[in-house]
Amino acid sequence: MKELKELIEYIVKALVDNPDAVGVNEIAGDKSIIYELKVGEGDLGKVIGKEGRTAKAMRTIITAAAMKQGKRTILEIIE
């Protein structure tokens, strides 16, 4: 699901100070897809947000988009 990977990159690059350090790795399974999001040093807090609100919002968006195609998604944020 290349579209979701690009969507995650687009959202995160708009949030962080160092957009060149953003990387998304897609691991596809039968019924689920895991997205590993890597950000630069110091940008982790911006991606997670206060009390995890920004990360939760991103997870909600990609889950809703993937449901249309019958897949489950997991977003892991890695420093």
PDB file of N, CA and C in Angstrom:
ATOM      1  N   MET A   1       0.836  -1.173   0.000  1.00  0.00           N
ATOM      2  CA  MET A   1       0.000   0.000   0.000  1.00  0.00           C
ATOM      3  C   MET A   1       0.884   1.241   0.000  1.00  0.00           C
ATOM      4  N   LYS A   2       1.391   1.520  -1.153  1.00  0.00           N
ATOM      5  CA  LYS A   2       2.326   2.616  -1.342  1.00  0.00           C
ATOM      6  C   LYS A   2       1.713   3.953  -0.940  1.00  0.00           C
ATOM      7  N   GLU A   3       0.397   4.105  -1.147  1.00  0.00           N
ATOM      8  CA  GLU A   3      -0.263   5.368  -0.843  1.00  0.00           C
ATOM      9  C   GLU A   3      -0.171   5.698   0.646  1.00  0.00           C
ATOM     10  N   LEU A   4      -0.375   4.688   1.500  1.00  0.00           N
ATOM     11  CA  LEU A   4      -0.317   4.918   2.938  1.00  0.00           C
ATOM     12  C   LEU A   4       1.094   5.283   3.384  1.00  0.00           C
ATOM     13  N   LYS A   5       2.072   4.630   2.804  1.00  0.00           N
ATOM     14  CA  LYS A   5       3.472   4.937   3.134  1.00  0.00           C
ATOM     15  C   LYS A   5       3.782   6.397   2.791  1.00  0.00           C
ATOM     16  N   GLU A   6       3.327   6.834   1.627  1.00  0.00           N
ATOM     17  CA  GLU A   6       3.548   8.216   1.203  1.00  0.00           C
ATOM     18  C   GLU A   6       2.776   9.192   2.083  1.00  0.00           C
ATOM     19  N   LEU A   7       1.573   8.804   2.503  1.00  0.00           N
ATOM     20  CA  LEU A   7       0.774   9.642   3.386  1.00  0.00           C
ATOM     21  C   LEU A   7       1.468   9.849   4.727  1.00  0.00           C
ATOM     22  N   ILE A   8       1.985   8.770   5.295  1.00  0.00           N
ATOM     23  CA  ILE A   8       2.702   8.865   6.571  1.00  0.00           C
ATOM     24  C   ILE A   8       3.917   9.780   6.430  1.00  0.00           C
ATOM     25  N   GLU A   9       4.694   9.585   5.361  1.00  0.00           N
ATOM     26  CA  GLU A   9       5.871  10.427   5.135  1.00  0.00           C
ATOM     27  C   GLU A   9       5.480  11.895   5.005  1.00  0.00           C
ATOM     28  N   TYR A  10       4.411  12.156   4.277  1.00  0.00           N
ATOM     29  CA  TYR A  10       3.967  13.533   4.042  1.00  0.00           C
ATOM     30  C   TYR A  10       3.579  14.212   5.355  1.00  0.00           C
ATOM     31  N   ILE A  11       2.794  13.524   6.179  1.00  0.00           N
ATOM     32  CA  ILE A  11       2.350  14.086   7.457  1.00  0.00           C
ATOM     33  C   ILE A  11       3.541  14.341   8.374  1.00  0.00           C
ATOM     34  N   VAL A  12       4.419  13.346   8.505  1.00  0.00           N
ATOM     35  CA  VAL A  12       5.538  13.461   9.440  1.00  0.00           C
ATOM     36  C   VAL A  12       6.535  14.521   8.997  1.00  0.00           C
ATOM     37  N   LYS A  13       6.816  14.603   7.704  1.00  0.00           N
ATOM     38  CA  LYS A  13       7.769  15.604   7.215  1.00  0.00           C
ATOM     39  C   LYS A  13       7.273  17.022   7.490  1.00  0.00           C
ATOM     40  N   ALA A  14       5.950  17.219   7.548  1.00  0.00           N
ATOM     41  CA  ALA A  14       5.397  18.537   7.853  1.00  0.00           C
ATOM     42  C   ALA A  14       5.541  18.874   9.335  1.00  0.00           C
ATOM     43  N   LEU A  15       5.713  17.869  10.183  1.00  0.00           N
ATOM     44  CA  LEU A  15       5.783  18.085  11.629  1.00  0.00           C
ATOM     45  C   LEU A  15       7.194  18.306  12.167  1.00  0.00           C
ATOM     46  N   VAL A  16       8.184  17.683  11.544  1.00  0.00           N
ATOM     47  CA  VAL A  16       9.534  17.639  12.126  1.00  0.00           C
ATOM     48  C   VAL A  16      10.430  18.771  11.635  1.00  0.00           C
ATOM     49  N   ASP A  17      11.529  18.988  12.377  1.00  0.00           N
ATOM     50  CA  ASP A  17      12.515  20.002  11.987  1.00  0.00           C
ATOM     51  C   ASP A  17      13.455  19.493  10.903  1.00  0.00           C
ATOM     52  N   ASN A  18      13.703  18.171  10.884  1.00  0.00           N
ATOM     53  CA  ASN A  18      14.633  17.582   9.923  1.00  0.00           C
ATOM     54  C   ASN A  18      13.892  16.567   9.036  1.00  0.00           C
ATOM     55  N   PRO A  19      13.188  17.044   8.000  1.00  0.00           N
ATOM     56  CA  PRO A  19      12.407  16.125   7.163  1.00  0.00           C
ATOM     57  C   PRO A  19      13.244  15.119   6.372  1.00  0.00           C
ATOM     58  N   ASP A  20      14.530  15.412   6.172  1.00  0.00           N
ATOM     59  CA  ASP A  20      15.392  14.483   5.425  1.00  0.00           C
ATOM     60  C   ASP A  20      15.672  13.210   6.212  1.00  0.00           C
ATOM     61  N   ALA A  21      15.516  13.251   7.533  1.00  0.00           N
ATOM     62  CA  ALA A  21      15.805  12.093   8.372  1.00  0.00           C
ATOM     63  C   ALA A  21      14.606  11.164   8.524  1.00  0.00           C
ATOM     64  N   VAL A  22      13.468  11.533   7.939  1.00  0.00           N
ATOM     65  CA  VAL A  22      12.260  10.715   8.067  1.00  0.00           C
ATOM     66  C   VAL A  22      12.342   9.523   7.126  1.00  0.00           C
ATOM     67  N   GLY A  23      12.039   8.342   7.652  1.00  0.00           N
ATOM     68  CA  GLY A  23      12.019   7.133   6.839  1.00  0.00           C
ATOM     69  C   GLY A  23      10.883   6.232   7.278  1.00  0.00           C
ATOM     70  N   VAL A  24      10.204   5.638   6.309  1.00  0.00           N
ATOM     71  CA  VAL A  24       9.104   4.725   6.616  1.00  0.00           C
ATOM     72  C   VAL A  24       9.408   3.384   5.955  1.00  0.00           C
ATOM     73  N   ASN A  25       9.405   2.333   6.764  1.00  0.00           N
ATOM     74  CA  ASN A  25       9.633   0.979   6.269  1.00  0.00           C
ATOM     75  C   ASN A  25       8.314   0.214   6.352  1.00  0.00           C
ATOM     76  N   GLU A  26       7.925  -0.425   5.265  1.00  0.00           N
ATOM     77  CA  GLU A  26       6.657  -1.145   5.201  1.00  0.00           C
ATOM     78  C   GLU A  26       6.908  -2.649   5.254  1.00  0.00           C
ATOM     79  N   ILE A  27       6.261  -3.322   6.201  1.00  0.00           N
ATOM     80  CA  ILE A  27       6.363  -4.770   6.325  1.00  0.00           C
ATOM     81  C   ILE A  27       4.961  -5.336   6.107  1.00  0.00           C
ATOM     82  N   ALA A  28       4.752  -5.969   4.970  1.00  0.00           N
ATOM     83  CA  ALA A  28       3.421  -6.446   4.614  1.00  0.00           C
ATOM     84  C   ALA A  28       3.234  -7.904   5.002  1.00  0.00           C
ATOM     85  N   GLY A  29       2.094  -8.176   5.629  1.00  0.00           N
ATOM     86  CA  GLY A  29       1.706  -9.540   5.961  1.00  0.00           C
ATOM     87  C   GLY A  29       0.453  -9.910   5.182  1.00  0.00           C
ATOM     88  N   ASP A  30      -0.178 -11.015   5.540  1.00  0.00           N
ATOM     89  CA  ASP A  30      -1.387 -11.443   4.839  1.00  0.00           C
ATOM     90  C   ASP A  30      -2.549 -10.481   5.060  1.00  0.00           C
ATOM     91  N   LYS A  31      -2.823 -10.184   6.328  1.00  0.00           N
ATOM     92  CA  LYS A  31      -3.965  -9.339   6.639  1.00  0.00           C
ATOM     93  C   LYS A  31      -3.588  -8.026   7.313  1.00  0.00           C
ATOM     94  N   SER A  32      -2.319  -7.839   7.575  1.00  0.00           N
ATOM     95  CA  SER A  32      -1.911  -6.609   8.238  1.00  0.00           C
ATOM     96  C   SER A  32      -0.623  -6.061   7.631  1.00  0.00           C
ATOM     97  N   ILE A  33      -0.421  -4.780   7.856  1.00  0.00           N
ATOM     98  CA  ILE A  33       0.778  -4.096   7.373  1.00  0.00           C
ATOM     99  C   ILE A  33       1.367  -3.327   8.547  1.00  0.00           C
ATOM    100  N   ILE A  34       2.663  -3.484   8.762  1.00  0.00           N
ATOM    101  CA  ILE A  34       3.348  -2.757   9.827  1.00  0.00           C
ATOM    102  C   ILE A  34       4.189  -1.666   9.165  1.00  0.00           C
ATOM    103  N   TYR A  35       4.019  -0.445   9.661  1.00  0.00           N
ATOM    104  CA  TYR A  35       4.821   0.676   9.189  1.00  0.00           C
ATOM    105  C   TYR A  35       5.764   1.078  10.313  1.00  0.00           C
ATOM    106  N   GLU A  36       7.058   1.031  10.026  1.00  0.00           N
ATOM    107  CA  GLU A  36       8.069   1.462  10.986  1.00  0.00           C
ATOM    108  C   GLU A  36       8.508   2.875  10.606  1.00  0.00           C
ATOM    109  N   LEU A  37       8.239   3.809  11.472  1.00  0.00           N
ATOM    110  CA  LEU A  37       8.556   5.213  11.216  1.00  0.00           C
ATOM    111  C   LEU A  37       9.808   5.592  11.991  1.00  0.00           C
ATOM    112  N   LYS A  38      10.813   6.076  11.272  1.00  0.00           N
ATOM    113  CA  LYS A  38      12.047   6.536  11.907  1.00  0.00           C
ATOM    114  C   LYS A  38      12.169   8.035  11.670  1.00  0.00           C
ATOM    115  N   VAL A  39      12.500   8.761  12.747  1.00  0.00           N
ATOM    116  CA  VAL A  39      12.679  10.210  12.636  1.00  0.00           C
ATOM    117  C   VAL A  39      14.047  10.581  13.187  1.00  0.00           C
ATOM    118  N   GLY A  40      14.465  11.790  12.897  1.00  0.00           N
ATOM    119  CA  GLY A  40      15.765  12.263  13.357  1.00  0.00           C
ATOM    120  C   GLY A  40      15.779  12.525  14.852  1.00  0.00           C
ATOM    121  N   GLU A  41      16.971  12.686  15.364  1.00  0.00           N
ATOM    122  CA  GLU A  41      17.149  12.930  16.796  1.00  0.00           C
ATOM    123  C   GLU A  41      16.499  14.263  17.179  1.00  0.00           C
ATOM    124  N   GLY A  42      15.713  14.246  18.230  1.00  0.00           N
ATOM    125  CA  GLY A  42      15.047  15.457  18.686  1.00  0.00           C
ATOM    126  C   GLY A  42      13.664  15.668  18.100  1.00  0.00           C
ATOM    127  N   ASP A  43      13.291  14.904  17.084  1.00  0.00           N
ATOM    128  CA  ASP A  43      11.987  15.060  16.435  1.00  0.00           C
ATOM    129  C   ASP A  43      10.931  14.077  16.951  1.00  0.00           C
ATOM    130  N   LEU A  44      11.343  13.151  17.776  1.00  0.00           N
ATOM    131  CA  LEU A  44      10.422  12.127  18.266  1.00  0.00           C
ATOM    132  C   LEU A  44       9.245  12.744  19.020  1.00  0.00           C
ATOM    133  N   GLY A  45       9.519  13.734  19.844  1.00  0.00           N
ATOM    134  CA  GLY A  45       8.462  14.386  20.617  1.00  0.00           C
ATOM    135  C   GLY A  45       7.444  15.089  19.750  1.00  0.00           C
ATOM    136  N   LYS A  46       7.896  15.650  18.637  1.00  0.00           N
ATOM    137  CA  LYS A  46       6.981  16.336  17.725  1.00  0.00           C
ATOM    138  C   LYS A  46       6.037  15.354  17.044  1.00  0.00           C
ATOM    139  N   VAL A  47       6.526  14.165  16.758  1.00  0.00           N
ATOM    140  CA  VAL A  47       5.708  13.155  16.086  1.00  0.00           C
ATOM    141  C   VAL A  47       4.707  12.529  17.058  1.00  0.00           C
ATOM    142  N   ILE A  48       5.129  12.328  18.294  1.00  0.00           N
ATOM    143  CA  ILE A  48       4.238  11.725  19.284  1.00  0.00           C
ATOM    144  C   ILE A  48       3.215  12.741  19.781  1.00  0.00           C
ATOM    145  N   GLY A  49       3.641  13.965  20.037  1.00  0.00           N
ATOM    146  CA  GLY A  49       2.736  15.008  20.490  1.00  0.00           C
ATOM    147  C   GLY A  49       2.432  14.905  21.977  1.00  0.00           C
ATOM    148  N   LYS A  50       1.684  15.885  22.477  1.00  0.00           N
ATOM    149  CA  LYS A  50       1.316  15.889  23.894  1.00  0.00           C
ATOM    150  C   LYS A  50       0.397  14.726  24.188  1.00  0.00           C
ATOM    151  N   GLU A  51       0.793  13.949  25.186  1.00  0.00           N
ATOM    152  CA  GLU A  51       0.040  12.770  25.617  1.00  0.00           C
ATOM    153  C   GLU A  51      -0.226  11.792  24.471  1.00  0.00           C
ATOM    154  N   GLY A  52       0.607  11.832  23.437  1.00  0.00           N
ATOM    155  CA  GLY A  52       0.484  10.895  22.327  1.00  0.00           C
ATOM    156  C   GLY A  52      -0.635  11.212  21.350  1.00  0.00           C
ATOM    157  N   ARG A  53      -1.156  12.426  21.409  1.00  0.00           N
ATOM    158  CA  ARG A  53      -2.303  12.777  20.557  1.00  0.00           C
ATOM    159  C   ARG A  53      -1.983  12.768  19.068  1.00  0.00           C
ATOM    160  N   THR A  54      -0.821  13.296  18.695  1.00  0.00           N
ATOM    161  CA  THR A  54      -0.460  13.344  17.280  1.00  0.00           C
ATOM    162  C   THR A  54      -0.272  11.938  16.718  1.00  0.00           C
ATOM    163  N   ALA A  55       0.421  11.079  17.457  1.00  0.00           N
ATOM    164  CA  ALA A  55       0.638   9.700  17.021  1.00  0.00           C
ATOM    165  C   ALA A  55      -0.696   8.964  16.923  1.00  0.00           C
ATOM    166  N   LYS A  56      -1.573   9.174  17.892  1.00  0.00           N
ATOM    167  CA  LYS A  56      -2.879   8.517  17.878  1.00  0.00           C
ATOM    168  C   LYS A  56      -3.698   8.971  16.665  1.00  0.00           C
ATOM    169  N   ALA A  57      -3.638  10.256  16.348  1.00  0.00           N
ATOM    170  CA  ALA A  57      -4.359  10.782  15.193  1.00  0.00           C
ATOM    171  C   ALA A  57      -3.838  10.166  13.891  1.00  0.00           C
ATOM    172  N   MET A  58      -2.512  10.042  13.774  1.00  0.00           N
ATOM    173  CA  MET A  58      -1.935   9.420  12.572  1.00  0.00           C
ATOM    174  C   MET A  58      -2.362   7.966  12.460  1.00  0.00           C
ATOM    175  N   ARG A  59      -2.356   7.254  13.573  1.00  0.00           N
ATOM    176  CA  ARG A  59      -2.776   5.852  13.566  1.00  0.00           C
ATOM    177  C   ARG A  59      -4.238   5.724  13.153  1.00  0.00           C
ATOM    178  N   THR A  60      -5.083   6.641  13.612  1.00  0.00           N
ATOM    179  CA  THR A  60      -6.500   6.623  13.248  1.00  0.00           C
ATOM    180  C   THR A  60      -6.674   6.833  11.747  1.00  0.00           C
ATOM    181  N   ILE A  61      -5.933   7.774  11.187  1.00  0.00           N
ATOM    182  CA  ILE A  61      -6.036   8.068   9.748  1.00  0.00           C
ATOM    183  C   ILE A  61      -5.614   6.870   8.903  1.00  0.00           C
ATOM    184  N   ILE A  62      -4.459   6.270   9.214  1.00  0.00           N
ATOM    185  CA  ILE A  62      -4.004   5.159   8.378  1.00  0.00           C
ATOM    186  C   ILE A  62      -4.863   3.912   8.585  1.00  0.00           C
ATOM    187  N   THR A  63      -5.411   3.748   9.786  1.00  0.00           N
ATOM    188  CA  THR A  63      -6.313   2.612  10.019  1.00  0.00           C
ATOM    189  C   THR A  63      -7.577   2.761   9.193  1.00  0.00           C
ATOM    190  N   ALA A  64      -8.133   3.964   9.179  1.00  0.00           N
ATOM    191  CA  ALA A  64      -9.347   4.210   8.400  1.00  0.00           C
ATOM    192  C   ALA A  64      -9.098   4.014   6.910  1.00  0.00           C
ATOM    193  N   ALA A  65      -7.960   4.474   6.420  1.00  0.00           N
ATOM    194  CA  ALA A  65      -7.634   4.328   4.999  1.00  0.00           C
ATOM    195  C   ALA A  65      -7.419   2.862   4.635  1.00  0.00           C
ATOM    196  N   ALA A  66      -6.810   2.092   5.524  1.00  0.00           N
ATOM    197  CA  ALA A  66      -6.531   0.684   5.236  1.00  0.00           C
ATOM    198  C   ALA A  66      -7.786  -0.173   5.324  1.00  0.00           C
ATOM    199  N   MET A  67      -8.748   0.226   6.145  1.00  0.00           N
ATOM    200  CA  MET A  67      -9.985  -0.547   6.290  1.00  0.00           C
ATOM    201  C   MET A  67     -10.749  -0.647   4.967  1.00  0.00           C
ATOM    202  N   LYS A  68     -10.625   0.371   4.148  1.00  0.00           N
ATOM    203  CA  LYS A  68     -11.285   0.346   2.843  1.00  0.00           C
ATOM    204  C   LYS A  68     -10.765  -0.798   1.983  1.00  0.00           C
ATOM    205  N   GLN A  69      -9.532  -1.212   2.239  1.00  0.00           N
ATOM    206  CA  GLN A  69      -8.914  -2.282   1.458  1.00  0.00           C
ATOM    207  C   GLN A  69      -8.860  -3.587   2.244  1.00  0.00           C
ATOM    208  N   GLY A  70      -9.540  -3.624   3.394  1.00  0.00           N
ATOM    209  CA  GLY A  70      -9.627  -4.854   4.172  1.00  0.00           C
ATOM    210  C   GLY A  70      -8.346  -5.253   4.883  1.00  0.00           C
ATOM    211  N   LYS A  71      -7.508  -4.300   5.219  1.00  0.00           N
ATOM    212  CA  LYS A  71      -6.230  -4.588   5.886  1.00  0.00           C
ATOM    213  C   LYS A  71      -6.197  -3.915   7.255  1.00  0.00           C
ATOM    214  N   ARG A  72      -5.369  -4.451   8.144  1.00  0.00           N
ATOM    215  CA  ARG A  72      -5.081  -3.834   9.434  1.00  0.00           C
ATOM    216  C   ARG A  72      -3.707  -3.197   9.344  1.00  0.00           C
ATOM    217  N   THR A  73      -3.551  -2.070  10.024  1.00  0.00           N
ATOM    218  CA  THR A  73      -2.255  -1.404  10.016  1.00  0.00           C
ATOM    219  C   THR A  73      -1.754  -1.176  11.422  1.00  0.00           C
ATOM    220  N   ILE A  74      -0.439  -1.191  11.549  1.00  0.00           N
ATOM    221  CA  ILE A  74       0.218  -0.897  12.811  1.00  0.00           C
ATOM    222  C   ILE A  74       1.311   0.112  12.510  1.00  0.00           C
ATOM    223  N   LEU A  75       1.316   1.209  13.261  1.00  0.00           N
ATOM    224  CA  LEU A  75       2.350   2.236  13.104  1.00  0.00           C
ATOM    225  C   LEU A  75       3.262   2.194  14.314  1.00  0.00           C
ATOM    226  N   GLU A  76       4.519   1.850  14.079  1.00  0.00           N
ATOM    227  CA  GLU A  76       5.525   1.823  15.137  1.00  0.00           C
ATOM    228  C   GLU A  76       6.463   3.001  14.926  1.00  0.00           C
ATOM    229  N   ILE A  77       6.648   3.792  15.966  1.00  0.00           N
ATOM    230  CA  ILE A  77       7.533   4.947  15.871  1.00  0.00           C
ATOM    231  C   ILE A  77       8.847   4.583  16.551  1.00  0.00           C
ATOM    232  N   ILE A  78       9.922   4.633  15.776  1.00  0.00           N
ATOM    233  CA  ILE A  78      11.244   4.199  16.235  1.00  0.00           C
ATOM    234  C   ILE A  78      12.181   5.398  16.225  1.00  0.00           C
ATOM    235  N   GLU A  79      12.967   5.524  17.289  1.00  0.00           N
ATOM    236  CA  GLU A  79      13.921   6.630  17.338  1.00  0.00           C
ATOM    237  C   GLU A  79      15.234   6.218  16.705  1.00  0.00           C
TER     238      GLU A  79
END
